[in-house]
Each structure stands twice: as structure tokens, then as C-alpha cells.
Amino acid sequence: MKKWLPVALLLVSGFASAQQQNPIDQQLDQCMNKESTTLGMSKCYDTASKAWDKEMNVQYTQAMKKLTGDPKDKLRSAQRAWLAYRDSWLDASRSYFLSSQGSMAALSVGAQGVSLVRNQALMLQSINKGSCANPGDC
């Protein structure tokens, strides 16, 4: 019986985390599980990136409506800097992966793009919610 306890706990924790997964990430997982081509998987990443970008913009708009004065100015400046960083990072990443991975580069860059935008959307959400101390908070 004791041998099965760690396995049971892993299954329960895996189920709990799947229940808390964002719908955008759930759709990405479903899409990736269906696709078997590089082109198809790239489209999955593109769709998820666009969905996270939309969520990021919703969170940014909400935060900008809420803030005034210096905090609002600083957030605007930070978001502009982040956009420049994202574009620069993806350009550098694309250059590196194209030289080292060939056709698989699109998947690596796609995954990074989704991750970057998801993280920024969650950071903006933390401003709106006031906390992201726990993964479930955001």
C-alpha cells in the first residue's frame, strides 16, 4: 500500500494542476496533441500567442484604467520597454535557432513567444489582482 501512495499523490496533484490550467494553455495542449507536423504545431503556437496577446492587452487596459499619475506612467513605460525586449529576444532567438535547428526553429521560437507573452499577461494580471504570490492567484 505504501508503494502506491506517492503515485496516487502524483496523480492527484497532476489532476489538480490540470484543473487550474488556463484555457489558452489547455487549447494549446489539445492542439499540440492533435498535430504531427512542424507547420501544424507552429500554427498551434501562433494561435496561443495571439490569444495570450489578447489577454495581455485586456490586463494592460484594465491596469491603465485603474492607475493614475506616476504609477500609470511607469507602467506605460515598462510595457513599451517590454514590447521592445520581446521583439529583440525573439529576433535573437530566431537567429540562433535557425542556425542550429533548421526547420525545428519555428517550434522553439513559437514556444518562447507563447511563454514570453503568457508571463507578461500574468504580470499585468498581478497588478489588477494585487498579488501573484501563489500560482493560483494569477
C-alpha atoms as a PDB file:
ATOM      1  CA  MET A   1       0.000   0.000   0.000  1.00  0.00           C
ATOM      2  CA  LYS A   2       2.801   2.441   0.858  1.00  0.00           C
ATOM      3  CA  LYS A   3       4.356   1.923  -2.590  1.00  0.00           C
ATOM      4  CA  TRP A   4       1.275   3.315  -4.276  1.00  0.00           C
ATOM      5  CA  LEU A   5       0.909   6.395  -2.086  1.00  0.00           C
ATOM      6  CA  PRO A   6       3.499   8.519  -3.968  1.00  0.00           C
ATOM      7  CA  VAL A   7       1.963   7.507  -7.306  1.00  0.00           C
ATOM      8  CA  ALA A   8      -1.517   8.376  -6.061  1.00  0.00           C
ATOM      9  CA  LEU A   9      -0.309  11.750  -4.809  1.00  0.00           C
ATOM     10  CA  LEU A  10       1.322  12.493  -8.158  1.00  0.00           C
ATOM     11  CA  LEU A  11      -1.878  11.618  -9.990  1.00  0.00           C
ATOM     12  CA  VAL A  12      -3.987  13.793  -7.708  1.00  0.00           C
ATOM     13  CA  SER A  13      -1.566  16.735  -7.960  1.00  0.00           C
ATOM     14  CA  GLY A  14      -1.411  16.320 -11.747  1.00  0.00           C
ATOM     15  CA  PHE A  15      -5.199  16.330 -11.916  1.00  0.00           C
ATOM     16  CA  ALA A  16      -5.386  19.413  -9.693  1.00  0.00           C
ATOM     17  CA  SER A  17      -2.880  21.323 -11.783  1.00  0.00           C
ATOM     18  CA  ALA A  18      -4.688  20.341 -14.981  1.00  0.00           C
ATOM     19  CA  GLN A  19      -7.886  21.720 -13.463  1.00  0.00           C
ATOM     20  CA  GLN A  20      -6.161  25.054 -12.780  1.00  0.00           C
ATOM     21  CA  GLN A  21      -4.546  25.339 -16.211  1.00  0.00           C
ATOM     22  CA  ASN A  22      -5.523  28.425 -18.151  1.00  0.00           C
ATOM     23  CA  PRO A  23      -7.964  27.750 -21.020  1.00  0.00           C
ATOM     24  CA  ILE A  24      -5.451  29.166 -23.523  1.00  0.00           C
ATOM     25  CA  ASP A  25      -2.844  26.662 -22.383  1.00  0.00           C
ATOM     26  CA  GLN A  26      -5.424  23.877 -22.424  1.00  0.00           C
ATOM     27  CA  GLN A  27      -6.245  24.700 -26.043  1.00  0.00           C
ATOM     28  CA  LEU A  28      -2.538  24.797 -26.892  1.00  0.00           C
ATOM     29  CA  ASP A  29      -2.024  21.367 -25.313  1.00  0.00           C
ATOM     30  CA  GLN A  30      -5.003  19.935 -27.207  1.00  0.00           C
ATOM     31  CA  CYS A  31      -3.782  21.420 -30.472  1.00  0.00           C
ATOM     32  CA  MET A  32      -0.234  20.124 -29.980  1.00  0.00           C
ATOM     33  CA  ASN A  33      -1.576  16.650 -29.175  1.00  0.00           C
ATOM     34  CA  LYS A  34      -3.505  16.631 -32.475  1.00  0.00           C
ATOM     35  CA  GLU A  35      -0.760  17.936 -34.712  1.00  0.00           C
ATOM     36  CA  SER A  36       2.129  15.892 -36.051  1.00  0.00           C
ATOM     37  CA  THR A  37       3.746  18.322 -38.484  1.00  0.00           C
ATOM     38  CA  THR A  38       6.035  21.248 -37.815  1.00  0.00           C
ATOM     39  CA  LEU A  39       3.665  23.539 -39.701  1.00  0.00           C
ATOM     40  CA  GLY A  40       0.666  22.343 -37.684  1.00  0.00           C
ATOM     41  CA  MET A  41       2.460  22.727 -34.376  1.00  0.00           C
ATOM     42  CA  SER A  42       3.688  26.193 -35.409  1.00  0.00           C
ATOM     43  CA  LYS A  43       0.075  27.176 -36.035  1.00  0.00           C
ATOM     44  CA  CYS A  44      -0.800  25.941 -32.533  1.00  0.00           C
ATOM     45  CA  TYR A  45       1.854  28.214 -31.052  1.00  0.00           C
ATOM     46  CA  ASP A  46       0.734  31.121 -33.221  1.00  0.00           C
ATOM     47  CA  THR A  47      -2.882  30.727 -32.098  1.00  0.00           C
ATOM     48  CA  ALA A  48      -1.867  30.518 -28.434  1.00  0.00           C
ATOM     49  CA  SER A  49       0.443  33.511 -28.772  1.00  0.00           C
ATOM     50  CA  LYS A  50      -2.355  35.593 -30.270  1.00  0.00           C
ATOM     51  CA  ALA A  51      -4.754  34.516 -27.505  1.00  0.00           C
ATOM     52  CA  TRP A  52      -2.211  35.375 -24.789  1.00  0.00           C
ATOM     53  CA  ASP A  53      -1.505  38.694 -26.543  1.00  0.00           C
ATOM     54  CA  LYS A  54      -5.203  39.498 -26.426  1.00  0.00           C
ATOM     55  CA  GLU A  55      -5.297  38.585 -22.716  1.00  0.00           C
ATOM     56  CA  MET A  56      -2.194  40.693 -22.095  1.00  0.00           C
ATOM     57  CA  ASN A  57      -3.885  43.673 -23.743  1.00  0.00           C
ATOM     58  CA  VAL A  58      -7.022  43.172 -21.641  1.00  0.00           C
ATOM     59  CA  GLN A  59      -4.922  43.115 -18.475  1.00  0.00           C
ATOM     60  CA  TYR A  60      -2.904  46.149 -19.571  1.00  0.00           C
ATOM     61  CA  THR A  61      -6.048  48.139 -20.375  1.00  0.00           C
ATOM     62  CA  GLN A  62      -7.583  47.270 -17.002  1.00  0.00           C
ATOM     63  CA  ALA A  63      -4.423  48.278 -15.168  1.00  0.00           C
ATOM     64  CA  MET A  64      -4.148  51.560 -17.063  1.00  0.00           C
ATOM     65  CA  LYS A  65      -7.762  52.413 -16.186  1.00  0.00           C
ATOM     66  CA  LYS A  66      -7.055  51.706 -12.539  1.00  0.00           C
ATOM     67  CA  LEU A  67      -3.781  53.614 -12.207  1.00  0.00           C
ATOM     68  CA  THR A  68      -3.119  57.351 -12.213  1.00  0.00           C
ATOM     69  CA  GLY A  69      -0.101  59.625 -12.132  1.00  0.00           C
ATOM     70  CA  ASP A  70       3.389  58.197 -11.722  1.00  0.00           C
ATOM     71  CA  PRO A  71       2.368  54.508 -11.422  1.00  0.00           C
ATOM     72  CA  LYS A  72       0.423  54.781 -14.682  1.00  0.00           C
ATOM     73  CA  ASP A  73       3.344  56.494 -16.436  1.00  0.00           C
ATOM     74  CA  LYS A  74       5.777  53.871 -15.157  1.00  0.00           C
ATOM     75  CA  LEU A  75       3.545  51.010 -16.297  1.00  0.00           C
ATOM     76  CA  ARG A  76       3.204  52.547 -19.769  1.00  0.00           C
ATOM     77  CA  SER A  77       6.979  52.931 -19.971  1.00  0.00           C
ATOM     78  CA  ALA A  78       7.560  49.402 -18.680  1.00  0.00           C
ATOM     79  CA  GLN A  79       5.115  47.899 -21.176  1.00  0.00           C
ATOM     80  CA  ARG A  80       6.746  49.737 -24.068  1.00  0.00           C
ATOM     81  CA  ALA A  81      10.164  48.539 -22.918  1.00  0.00           C
ATOM     82  CA  TRP A  82       8.829  45.002 -22.552  1.00  0.00           C
ATOM     83  CA  LEU A  83       7.451  45.049 -26.108  1.00  0.00           C
ATOM     84  CA  ALA A  84      10.864  46.114 -27.416  1.00  0.00           C
ATOM     85  CA  TYR A  85      12.518  43.404 -25.292  1.00  0.00           C
ATOM     86  CA  ARG A  86      10.106  40.739 -26.570  1.00  0.00           C
ATOM     87  CA  ASP A  87      10.760  41.636 -30.190  1.00  0.00           C
ATOM     88  CA  SER A  88      14.519  41.799 -29.675  1.00  0.00           C
ATOM     89  CA  TRP A  89      14.581  38.495 -27.788  1.00  0.00           C
ATOM     90  CA  LEU A  90      12.549  36.706 -30.439  1.00  0.00           C
ATOM     91  CA  ASP A  91      14.782  38.096 -33.214  1.00  0.00           C
ATOM     92  CA  ALA A  92      17.890  36.857 -31.394  1.00  0.00           C
ATOM     93  CA  SER A  93      16.262  33.539 -30.605  1.00  0.00           C
ATOM     94  CA  ARG A  94      15.092  33.072 -34.200  1.00  0.00           C
ATOM     95  CA  SER A  95      18.605  33.798 -35.460  1.00  0.00           C
ATOM     96  CA  TYR A  96      20.166  31.304 -33.066  1.00  0.00           C
ATOM     97  CA  PHE A  97      17.656  28.520 -33.620  1.00  0.00           C
ATOM     98  CA  LEU A  98      17.679  28.889 -37.406  1.00  0.00           C
ATOM     99  CA  SER A  99      21.441  28.346 -37.358  1.00  0.00           C
ATOM    100  CA  SER A 100      21.254  25.371 -35.011  1.00  0.00           C
ATOM    101  CA  GLN A 101      17.892  23.662 -35.566  1.00  0.00           C
ATOM    102  CA  GLY A 102      16.784  24.355 -39.108  1.00  0.00           C
ATOM    103  CA  SER A 103      13.091  23.669 -39.627  1.00  0.00           C
ATOM    104  CA  MET A 104      12.562  22.935 -35.925  1.00  0.00           C
ATOM    105  CA  ALA A 105      13.468  26.576 -35.157  1.00  0.00           C
ATOM    106  CA  ALA A 106       9.867  27.631 -35.696  1.00  0.00           C
ATOM    107  CA  LEU A 107       8.752  25.417 -32.824  1.00  0.00           C
ATOM    108  CA  SER A 108      11.401  26.691 -30.432  1.00  0.00           C
ATOM    109  CA  VAL A 109      10.678  30.321 -31.262  1.00  0.00           C
ATOM    110  CA  GLY A 110       6.936  29.676 -31.118  1.00  0.00           C
ATOM    111  CA  ALA A 111       7.203  28.144 -27.655  1.00  0.00           C
ATOM    112  CA  GLN A 112       9.331  31.041 -26.449  1.00  0.00           C
ATOM    113  CA  GLY A 113       6.893  33.567 -27.880  1.00  0.00           C
ATOM    114  CA  VAL A 114       3.966  31.978 -26.066  1.00  0.00           C
ATOM    115  CA  SER A 115       5.931  31.857 -22.838  1.00  0.00           C
ATOM    116  CA  LEU A 116       7.007  35.495 -23.041  1.00  0.00           C
ATOM    117  CA  VAL A 117       3.510  36.817 -23.709  1.00  0.00           C
ATOM    118  CA  ARG A 118       1.876  34.495 -21.143  1.00  0.00           C
ATOM    119  CA  ASN A 119       4.286  35.671 -18.461  1.00  0.00           C
ATOM    120  CA  GLN A 120       3.674  39.329 -19.265  1.00  0.00           C
ATOM    121  CA  ALA A 121      -0.100  38.826 -19.242  1.00  0.00           C
ATOM    122  CA  LEU A 122       0.176  37.222 -15.804  1.00  0.00           C
ATOM    123  CA  MET A 123       2.422  40.017 -14.532  1.00  0.00           C
ATOM    124  CA  LEU A 124      -0.135  42.593 -15.655  1.00  0.00           C
ATOM    125  CA  GLN A 125      -2.874  40.495 -14.086  1.00  0.00           C
ATOM    126  CA  SER A 126      -0.956  40.624 -10.814  1.00  0.00           C
ATOM    127  CA  ILE A 127      -1.261  44.418 -10.878  1.00  0.00           C
ATOM    128  CA  ASN A 128      -5.015  44.093 -11.345  1.00  0.00           C
ATOM    129  CA  LYS A 129      -5.431  41.465  -8.653  1.00  0.00           C
ATOM    130  CA  GLY A 130      -2.853  42.896  -6.311  1.00  0.00           C
ATOM    131  CA  SER A 131      -0.869  39.692  -5.906  1.00  0.00           C
ATOM    132  CA  CYS A 132       0.663  36.728  -7.626  1.00  0.00           C
ATOM    133  CA  ALA A 133       2.228  35.174  -4.549  1.00  0.00           C
ATOM    134  CA  ASN A 134       0.662  31.823  -5.430  1.00  0.00           C
ATOM    135  CA  PRO A 135       0.327  30.348  -8.929  1.00  0.00           C
ATOM    136  CA  GLY A 136      -3.430  30.111  -8.436  1.00  0.00           C
ATOM    137  CA  ASP A 137      -3.616  33.856  -7.773  1.00  0.00           C
ATOM    138  CA  CYS A 138      -2.913  34.692 -11.374  1.00  0.00           C
END
